[in-house]
Amino acid sequence: MNTIKITAFILSLATLWTSCDKDKKYSKRLAGEVWKVAELSVNGSTETDLPTLSFDKCDIYDELCNATWTNTEGGMATFIWQFNESGKKFEISNQSDSIISLANSDAMLQCYDLSGVYNVEEHKKDNMEFTSTATMGYPGKTVIIKMEKQ
């Protein structure tokens, strides 16, 4: 009986350790790196303003991870991000001020609209794909973001 309890306990710890490890593994691929959005679509309609995402270095267990959203005109927005559920979910959360300058308004609006929780469809060293139907600006619509490492 004790052997079964010990085995169950070890399996529980192993599951917890590997799930946390995947969040950190995937986060390390973004932290301190620049990624270009290669494809962005909302309900099958392709967007033309494809942002660049610059991820600050961070430790996912000690701090919130910040990044900068830059559009093609040079407008910028800030957001926090994280992987969850063993790297199966990716979250973007707009953190830009509510006072919007004209130069940054398009980037801030795009970052706000695309903030939400995404399913991780593909996660490779140099490219990732996320899908969501739960974004701030497009609830119920399918949003697809494909990114490539710069």
N, C-alpha and C. Protein backbone atom coordinates (compact mmCIF):
# COMPACT_ATOMS: atom_id res chain seq x y z
N MET A 1 0.82 -1.19 0.00
CA MET A 1 0.00 0.00 0.00
C MET A 1 0.87 1.26 0.00
N ASN A 2 1.93 1.26 0.81
CA ASN A 2 2.83 2.41 0.84
C ASN A 2 3.53 2.61 -0.49
N THR A 3 3.85 1.53 -1.17
CA THR A 3 4.50 1.63 -2.48
C THR A 3 3.59 2.34 -3.48
N ILE A 4 2.31 2.06 -3.45
CA ILE A 4 1.36 2.71 -4.35
C ILE A 4 1.28 4.20 -4.03
N LYS A 5 1.23 4.55 -2.76
CA LYS A 5 1.16 5.97 -2.35
C LYS A 5 2.43 6.72 -2.78
N ILE A 6 3.57 6.09 -2.56
CA ILE A 6 4.84 6.72 -2.93
C ILE A 6 4.93 6.90 -4.44
N THR A 7 4.53 5.89 -5.19
CA THR A 7 4.55 5.96 -6.65
C THR A 7 3.61 7.06 -7.15
N ALA A 8 2.41 7.15 -6.57
CA ALA A 8 1.45 8.19 -6.96
C ALA A 8 2.00 9.58 -6.64
N PHE A 9 2.65 9.72 -5.49
CA PHE A 9 3.24 11.00 -5.10
C PHE A 9 4.35 11.40 -6.07
N ILE A 10 5.21 10.47 -6.42
CA ILE A 10 6.32 10.75 -7.34
C ILE A 10 5.78 11.13 -8.72
N LEU A 11 4.76 10.42 -9.19
CA LEU A 11 4.15 10.75 -10.48
C LEU A 11 3.51 12.14 -10.46
N SER A 12 2.89 12.49 -9.34
CA SER A 12 2.29 13.82 -9.21
C SER A 12 3.36 14.91 -9.28
N LEU A 13 4.44 14.70 -8.56
CA LEU A 13 5.54 15.67 -8.59
C LEU A 13 6.16 15.77 -9.98
N ALA A 14 6.34 14.65 -10.64
CA ALA A 14 6.91 14.65 -11.98
C ALA A 14 6.02 15.40 -12.96
N THR A 15 4.71 15.20 -12.86
CA THR A 15 3.77 15.89 -13.73
C THR A 15 3.83 17.40 -13.49
N LEU A 16 3.83 17.81 -12.23
CA LEU A 16 3.92 19.23 -11.89
C LEU A 16 5.22 19.82 -12.40
N TRP A 17 6.32 19.13 -12.20
CA TRP A 17 7.63 19.65 -12.63
C TRP A 17 7.70 19.79 -14.14
N THR A 18 7.23 18.81 -14.89
CA THR A 18 7.32 18.88 -16.35
C THR A 18 6.37 19.93 -16.92
N SER A 19 5.22 20.14 -16.29
CA SER A 19 4.30 21.16 -16.81
C SER A 19 4.88 22.55 -16.60
N CYS A 20 5.44 22.83 -15.46
CA CYS A 20 6.07 24.13 -15.21
C CYS A 20 7.28 24.31 -16.11
N ASP A 21 8.01 23.24 -16.31
CA ASP A 21 9.21 23.29 -17.12
C ASP A 21 8.89 23.71 -18.56
N LYS A 22 7.76 23.26 -19.12
CA LYS A 22 7.40 23.62 -20.49
C LYS A 22 7.06 25.09 -20.60
N ASP A 23 6.37 25.66 -19.60
CA ASP A 23 6.09 27.10 -19.62
C ASP A 23 7.41 27.88 -19.66
N LYS A 24 8.36 27.47 -18.83
CA LYS A 24 9.64 28.16 -18.78
C LYS A 24 10.43 27.94 -20.07
N LYS A 25 10.42 26.73 -20.60
CA LYS A 25 11.14 26.41 -21.84
C LYS A 25 10.65 27.29 -22.98
N TYR A 26 9.34 27.39 -23.13
CA TYR A 26 8.78 28.20 -24.22
C TYR A 26 9.02 29.68 -23.98
N SER A 27 8.95 30.10 -22.73
CA SER A 27 9.19 31.51 -22.41
C SER A 27 10.62 31.93 -22.73
N LYS A 28 11.56 31.03 -22.51
CA LYS A 28 12.96 31.34 -22.80
C LYS A 28 13.18 31.62 -24.29
N ARG A 29 12.35 31.02 -25.14
CA ARG A 29 12.48 31.25 -26.58
C ARG A 29 12.07 32.66 -26.96
N LEU A 30 11.22 33.28 -26.17
CA LEU A 30 10.79 34.65 -26.46
C LEU A 30 11.61 35.69 -25.72
N ALA A 31 11.93 35.44 -24.47
CA ALA A 31 12.59 36.42 -23.61
C ALA A 31 13.89 36.93 -24.23
N GLY A 32 13.97 38.26 -24.37
CA GLY A 32 15.17 38.89 -24.91
C GLY A 32 15.28 38.83 -26.43
N GLU A 33 14.23 38.40 -27.09
CA GLU A 33 14.27 38.22 -28.55
C GLU A 33 13.26 39.12 -29.27
N VAL A 34 13.46 39.26 -30.57
CA VAL A 34 12.55 40.02 -31.43
C VAL A 34 11.90 39.05 -32.40
N TRP A 35 10.57 39.12 -32.48
CA TRP A 35 9.78 38.26 -33.36
C TRP A 35 8.93 39.14 -34.27
N LYS A 36 8.85 38.78 -35.52
CA LYS A 36 8.03 39.49 -36.49
C LYS A 36 6.75 38.69 -36.73
N VAL A 37 5.61 39.37 -36.69
CA VAL A 37 4.36 38.71 -37.04
C VAL A 37 4.36 38.54 -38.55
N ALA A 38 4.38 37.30 -39.02
CA ALA A 38 4.45 37.00 -40.45
C ALA A 38 3.06 36.91 -41.07
N GLU A 39 2.08 36.55 -40.25
CA GLU A 39 0.70 36.45 -40.74
C GLU A 39 -0.24 36.77 -39.59
N LEU A 40 -1.25 37.57 -39.89
CA LEU A 40 -2.26 37.94 -38.91
C LEU A 40 -3.60 37.98 -39.62
N SER A 41 -4.55 37.18 -39.13
CA SER A 41 -5.87 37.19 -39.76
C SER A 41 -6.97 37.16 -38.71
N VAL A 42 -8.09 37.77 -39.06
CA VAL A 42 -9.27 37.79 -38.22
C VAL A 42 -10.43 37.25 -39.06
N ASN A 43 -10.96 36.11 -38.64
CA ASN A 43 -12.05 35.44 -39.38
C ASN A 43 -11.73 35.26 -40.86
N GLY A 44 -10.47 34.92 -41.16
CA GLY A 44 -10.06 34.66 -42.54
C GLY A 44 -9.62 35.88 -43.31
N SER A 45 -9.82 37.07 -42.75
CA SER A 45 -9.41 38.31 -43.41
C SER A 45 -7.99 38.67 -42.97
N THR A 46 -7.06 38.72 -43.92
CA THR A 46 -5.66 38.97 -43.62
C THR A 46 -5.40 40.45 -43.35
N GLU A 47 -4.70 40.73 -42.26
CA GLU A 47 -4.31 42.09 -41.90
C GLU A 47 -3.00 42.44 -42.64
N THR A 48 -2.84 43.71 -42.97
CA THR A 48 -1.63 44.14 -43.68
C THR A 48 -0.62 44.80 -42.76
N ASP A 49 -1.05 45.36 -41.64
CA ASP A 49 -0.13 45.99 -40.69
C ASP A 49 0.38 44.92 -39.73
N LEU A 50 1.55 44.34 -40.05
CA LEU A 50 2.10 43.24 -39.28
C LEU A 50 3.14 43.77 -38.30
N PRO A 51 2.88 43.68 -37.01
CA PRO A 51 3.78 44.25 -36.01
C PRO A 51 5.03 43.41 -35.77
N THR A 52 5.99 44.05 -35.13
CA THR A 52 7.18 43.39 -34.61
C THR A 52 7.05 43.39 -33.09
N LEU A 53 7.34 42.26 -32.47
CA LEU A 53 7.21 42.12 -31.02
C LEU A 53 8.60 41.93 -30.41
N SER A 54 8.98 42.85 -29.55
CA SER A 54 10.29 42.80 -28.88
C SER A 54 10.07 42.40 -27.43
N PHE A 55 10.51 41.20 -27.07
CA PHE A 55 10.28 40.65 -25.74
C PHE A 55 11.47 40.95 -24.83
N ASP A 56 11.20 41.57 -23.67
CA ASP A 56 12.25 41.84 -22.70
C ASP A 56 12.69 40.53 -22.05
N LYS A 57 13.94 40.50 -21.58
CA LYS A 57 14.40 39.34 -20.80
C LYS A 57 13.65 39.34 -19.48
N CYS A 58 13.27 38.16 -19.04
CA CYS A 58 12.57 38.06 -17.77
C CYS A 58 12.64 36.63 -17.23
N ASP A 59 12.35 36.51 -15.95
CA ASP A 59 12.20 35.21 -15.31
C ASP A 59 10.72 35.05 -15.01
N ILE A 60 10.06 34.09 -15.67
CA ILE A 60 8.60 33.98 -15.57
C ILE A 60 8.11 33.70 -14.15
N TYR A 61 8.99 33.22 -13.27
CA TYR A 61 8.57 32.91 -11.90
C TYR A 61 8.80 34.08 -10.94
N ASP A 62 9.59 35.08 -11.36
CA ASP A 62 9.91 36.20 -10.48
C ASP A 62 9.27 37.52 -10.86
N GLU A 63 8.79 37.63 -12.10
CA GLU A 63 8.29 38.93 -12.56
C GLU A 63 7.31 38.76 -13.72
N LEU A 64 6.60 39.84 -14.00
CA LEU A 64 5.76 39.88 -15.20
C LEU A 64 6.67 40.11 -16.40
N CYS A 65 6.39 39.44 -17.47
CA CYS A 65 7.22 39.56 -18.67
C CYS A 65 6.64 40.64 -19.58
N ASN A 66 7.45 41.64 -19.90
CA ASN A 66 7.03 42.77 -20.72
C ASN A 66 7.53 42.63 -22.15
N ALA A 67 6.85 43.33 -23.05
CA ALA A 67 7.25 43.35 -24.45
C ALA A 67 6.74 44.64 -25.09
N THR A 68 7.30 44.94 -26.25
CA THR A 68 6.89 46.13 -27.00
C THR A 68 6.32 45.68 -28.34
N TRP A 69 5.20 46.26 -28.70
CA TRP A 69 4.46 45.99 -29.93
C TRP A 69 4.73 47.19 -30.84
N THR A 70 5.41 47.00 -31.96
CA THR A 70 5.73 48.09 -32.88
C THR A 70 5.09 47.83 -34.23
N ASN A 71 4.30 48.81 -34.72
CA ASN A 71 3.67 48.61 -36.03
C ASN A 71 4.56 49.15 -37.14
N THR A 72 4.12 49.04 -38.38
CA THR A 72 4.96 49.41 -39.53
C THR A 72 5.22 50.91 -39.61
N GLU A 73 4.36 51.73 -38.99
CA GLU A 73 4.58 53.18 -38.99
C GLU A 73 5.46 53.64 -37.83
N GLY A 74 5.89 52.72 -36.98
CA GLY A 74 6.74 53.08 -35.85
C GLY A 74 5.99 53.33 -34.57
N GLY A 75 4.67 53.20 -34.58
CA GLY A 75 3.90 53.33 -33.35
C GLY A 75 4.19 52.17 -32.41
N MET A 76 4.12 52.45 -31.11
CA MET A 76 4.48 51.42 -30.13
C MET A 76 3.42 51.27 -29.05
N ALA A 77 3.33 50.06 -28.53
CA ALA A 77 2.47 49.75 -27.39
C ALA A 77 3.23 48.77 -26.50
N THR A 78 2.87 48.74 -25.24
CA THR A 78 3.50 47.78 -24.32
C THR A 78 2.46 46.75 -23.90
N PHE A 79 2.95 45.54 -23.67
CA PHE A 79 2.07 44.47 -23.20
C PHE A 79 2.85 43.50 -22.33
N ILE A 80 2.12 42.74 -21.52
CA ILE A 80 2.73 41.65 -20.78
C ILE A 80 2.25 40.34 -21.41
N TRP A 81 3.04 39.30 -21.24
CA TRP A 81 2.75 38.03 -21.88
C TRP A 81 3.15 36.88 -20.96
N GLN A 82 2.55 35.72 -21.23
CA GLN A 82 2.94 34.52 -20.49
C GLN A 82 2.40 33.26 -21.17
N PHE A 83 3.12 32.18 -20.97
CA PHE A 83 2.64 30.86 -21.35
C PHE A 83 2.00 30.22 -20.12
N ASN A 84 0.96 29.43 -20.33
CA ASN A 84 0.27 28.71 -19.26
C ASN A 84 -0.07 27.31 -19.73
N GLU A 85 -0.55 26.51 -18.78
CA GLU A 85 -1.03 25.15 -19.06
C GLU A 85 -0.02 24.33 -19.86
N SER A 86 1.18 24.26 -19.33
CA SER A 86 2.27 23.48 -19.94
C SER A 86 2.58 23.94 -21.35
N GLY A 87 2.50 25.25 -21.59
CA GLY A 87 2.82 25.80 -22.90
C GLY A 87 1.72 25.65 -23.92
N LYS A 88 0.52 25.27 -23.51
CA LYS A 88 -0.60 25.11 -24.44
C LYS A 88 -1.38 26.41 -24.64
N LYS A 89 -1.21 27.36 -23.74
CA LYS A 89 -1.90 28.65 -23.82
C LYS A 89 -0.87 29.77 -23.80
N PHE A 90 -1.17 30.84 -24.55
CA PHE A 90 -0.31 32.02 -24.58
C PHE A 90 -1.22 33.23 -24.38
N GLU A 91 -0.82 34.12 -23.48
CA GLU A 91 -1.66 35.28 -23.18
C GLU A 91 -0.93 36.58 -23.50
N ILE A 92 -1.65 37.49 -24.14
CA ILE A 92 -1.18 38.84 -24.43
C ILE A 92 -2.10 39.78 -23.68
N SER A 93 -1.52 40.74 -22.92
CA SER A 93 -2.33 41.70 -22.17
C SER A 93 -1.77 43.11 -22.38
N ASN A 94 -2.52 43.93 -23.11
CA ASN A 94 -2.13 45.30 -23.39
C ASN A 94 -1.91 46.07 -22.08
N GLN A 95 -0.83 46.84 -22.02
CA GLN A 95 -0.52 47.63 -20.83
C GLN A 95 -0.28 49.10 -21.15
N SER A 96 -0.61 49.52 -22.35
CA SER A 96 -0.37 50.90 -22.77
C SER A 96 -1.29 51.85 -22.01
N ASP A 97 -0.81 53.08 -21.83
CA ASP A 97 -1.60 54.10 -21.15
C ASP A 97 -2.86 54.42 -21.93
N SER A 98 -3.84 54.90 -21.23
CA SER A 98 -5.10 55.26 -21.90
C SER A 98 -4.99 56.57 -22.67
N ILE A 99 -3.99 57.40 -22.35
CA ILE A 99 -3.76 58.63 -23.11
C ILE A 99 -2.96 58.24 -24.34
N ILE A 100 -3.61 58.34 -25.50
CA ILE A 100 -3.03 57.84 -26.73
C ILE A 100 -2.53 58.98 -27.60
N SER A 101 -1.25 58.94 -27.96
CA SER A 101 -0.73 59.93 -28.90
C SER A 101 -1.07 59.46 -30.31
N LEU A 102 -1.11 60.37 -31.25
CA LEU A 102 -1.46 60.02 -32.63
C LEU A 102 -0.48 59.03 -33.23
N ALA A 103 0.80 59.17 -32.92
CA ALA A 103 1.81 58.27 -33.51
C ALA A 103 1.64 56.84 -33.02
N ASN A 104 1.17 56.68 -31.79
CA ASN A 104 1.08 55.35 -31.20
C ASN A 104 -0.32 54.76 -31.25
N SER A 105 -1.32 55.54 -31.64
CA SER A 105 -2.70 55.08 -31.51
C SER A 105 -2.99 53.80 -32.29
N ASP A 106 -2.48 53.66 -33.51
CA ASP A 106 -2.74 52.45 -34.29
C ASP A 106 -2.12 51.22 -33.63
N ALA A 107 -0.89 51.34 -33.16
CA ALA A 107 -0.22 50.21 -32.50
C ALA A 107 -0.94 49.85 -31.20
N MET A 108 -1.33 50.87 -30.42
CA MET A 108 -2.01 50.61 -29.15
C MET A 108 -3.38 49.96 -29.38
N LEU A 109 -4.09 50.44 -30.39
CA LEU A 109 -5.39 49.86 -30.69
C LEU A 109 -5.25 48.41 -31.16
N GLN A 110 -4.28 48.15 -32.02
CA GLN A 110 -4.06 46.79 -32.51
C GLN A 110 -3.67 45.86 -31.36
N CYS A 111 -2.78 46.33 -30.48
CA CYS A 111 -2.35 45.53 -29.33
C CYS A 111 -3.54 45.25 -28.42
N TYR A 112 -4.36 46.27 -28.17
CA TYR A 112 -5.55 46.09 -27.34
C TYR A 112 -6.50 45.08 -27.98
N ASP A 113 -6.81 45.27 -29.26
CA ASP A 113 -7.75 44.39 -29.95
C ASP A 113 -7.30 42.93 -29.95
N LEU A 114 -5.99 42.70 -30.02
CA LEU A 114 -5.46 41.34 -30.10
C LEU A 114 -5.07 40.76 -28.73
N SER A 115 -5.28 41.54 -27.67
CA SER A 115 -5.03 41.02 -26.33
C SER A 115 -6.04 39.93 -26.01
N GLY A 116 -5.56 38.85 -25.41
CA GLY A 116 -6.43 37.74 -25.06
C GLY A 116 -5.65 36.48 -24.81
N VAL A 117 -6.37 35.39 -24.65
CA VAL A 117 -5.75 34.08 -24.42
C VAL A 117 -5.82 33.28 -25.72
N TYR A 118 -4.67 32.77 -26.13
CA TYR A 118 -4.53 32.04 -27.39
C TYR A 118 -4.18 30.58 -27.13
N ASN A 119 -4.63 29.71 -28.01
CA ASN A 119 -4.16 28.32 -28.03
C ASN A 119 -2.86 28.29 -28.81
N VAL A 120 -1.89 27.56 -28.31
CA VAL A 120 -0.61 27.42 -29.01
C VAL A 120 -0.77 26.26 -29.99
N GLU A 121 -0.79 26.58 -31.28
CA GLU A 121 -0.96 25.58 -32.33
C GLU A 121 0.37 25.00 -32.77
N GLU A 122 1.39 25.86 -32.80
CA GLU A 122 2.73 25.43 -33.21
C GLU A 122 3.75 26.20 -32.40
N HIS A 123 4.73 25.48 -31.92
CA HIS A 123 5.78 26.12 -31.12
C HIS A 123 7.12 25.53 -31.50
N LYS A 124 7.82 26.22 -32.36
CA LYS A 124 9.14 25.79 -32.78
C LYS A 124 10.15 26.86 -32.42
N LYS A 125 11.41 26.52 -32.58
CA LYS A 125 12.48 27.44 -32.19
C LYS A 125 12.39 28.77 -32.94
N ASP A 126 12.03 28.76 -34.22
CA ASP A 126 12.04 29.97 -35.03
C ASP A 126 10.67 30.42 -35.52
N ASN A 127 9.61 29.69 -35.18
CA ASN A 127 8.27 30.14 -35.56
C ASN A 127 7.23 29.59 -34.60
N MET A 128 6.16 30.35 -34.44
CA MET A 128 5.06 29.98 -33.55
C MET A 128 3.75 30.37 -34.21
N GLU A 129 2.70 29.64 -33.82
CA GLU A 129 1.36 29.97 -34.31
C GLU A 129 0.38 29.89 -33.14
N PHE A 130 -0.46 30.94 -33.04
CA PHE A 130 -1.46 31.02 -31.98
C PHE A 130 -2.83 31.27 -32.60
N THR A 131 -3.87 30.71 -31.99
CA THR A 131 -5.24 30.99 -32.42
C THR A 131 -6.10 31.32 -31.20
N SER A 132 -7.10 32.18 -31.42
CA SER A 132 -8.00 32.55 -30.33
C SER A 132 -9.36 32.96 -30.86
N THR A 133 -10.36 32.72 -30.06
CA THR A 133 -11.69 33.27 -30.31
C THR A 133 -12.11 34.14 -29.12
N ALA A 134 -11.13 34.49 -28.28
CA ALA A 134 -11.41 35.26 -27.07
C ALA A 134 -10.46 36.44 -26.93
N THR A 135 -10.40 37.30 -27.95
CA THR A 135 -9.58 38.50 -27.86
C THR A 135 -10.46 39.69 -27.48
N MET A 136 -9.84 40.75 -27.00
CA MET A 136 -10.59 41.93 -26.57
C MET A 136 -11.36 42.58 -27.72
N GLY A 137 -10.74 42.69 -28.87
CA GLY A 137 -11.36 43.39 -29.98
C GLY A 137 -12.19 42.53 -30.91
N TYR A 138 -12.01 41.21 -30.83
CA TYR A 138 -12.70 40.31 -31.76
C TYR A 138 -13.29 39.09 -31.04
N PRO A 139 -14.12 39.31 -30.02
CA PRO A 139 -14.68 38.16 -29.31
C PRO A 139 -15.56 37.31 -30.23
N GLY A 140 -15.34 36.00 -30.18
CA GLY A 140 -16.11 35.08 -31.00
C GLY A 140 -15.59 34.91 -32.42
N LYS A 141 -14.63 35.73 -32.81
CA LYS A 141 -14.03 35.61 -34.14
C LYS A 141 -12.68 34.90 -34.01
N THR A 142 -12.31 34.15 -35.04
CA THR A 142 -11.05 33.41 -35.00
C THR A 142 -9.89 34.32 -35.41
N VAL A 143 -8.96 34.50 -34.48
CA VAL A 143 -7.75 35.28 -34.73
C VAL A 143 -6.58 34.32 -34.82
N ILE A 144 -5.77 34.47 -35.87
CA ILE A 144 -4.58 33.64 -36.06
C ILE A 144 -3.37 34.57 -36.12
N ILE A 145 -2.38 34.27 -35.30
CA ILE A 145 -1.11 35.00 -35.31
C ILE A 145 0.00 33.99 -35.58
N LYS A 146 0.77 34.24 -36.64
CA LYS A 146 1.96 33.43 -36.93
C LYS A 146 3.17 34.36 -36.81
N MET A 147 4.16 33.92 -36.02
CA MET A 147 5.35 34.74 -35.76
C MET A 147 6.60 34.01 -36.21
N GLU A 148 7.61 34.80 -36.60
CA GLU A 148 8.92 34.26 -36.97
C GLU A 148 9.99 35.03 -36.19
N LYS A 149 10.98 34.31 -35.72
CA LYS A 149 12.08 34.93 -34.99
C LYS A 149 12.93 35.74 -35.95
N GLN A 150 13.32 36.92 -35.53
CA GLN A 150 14.15 37.80 -36.36
C GLN A 150 15.62 37.55 -36.10
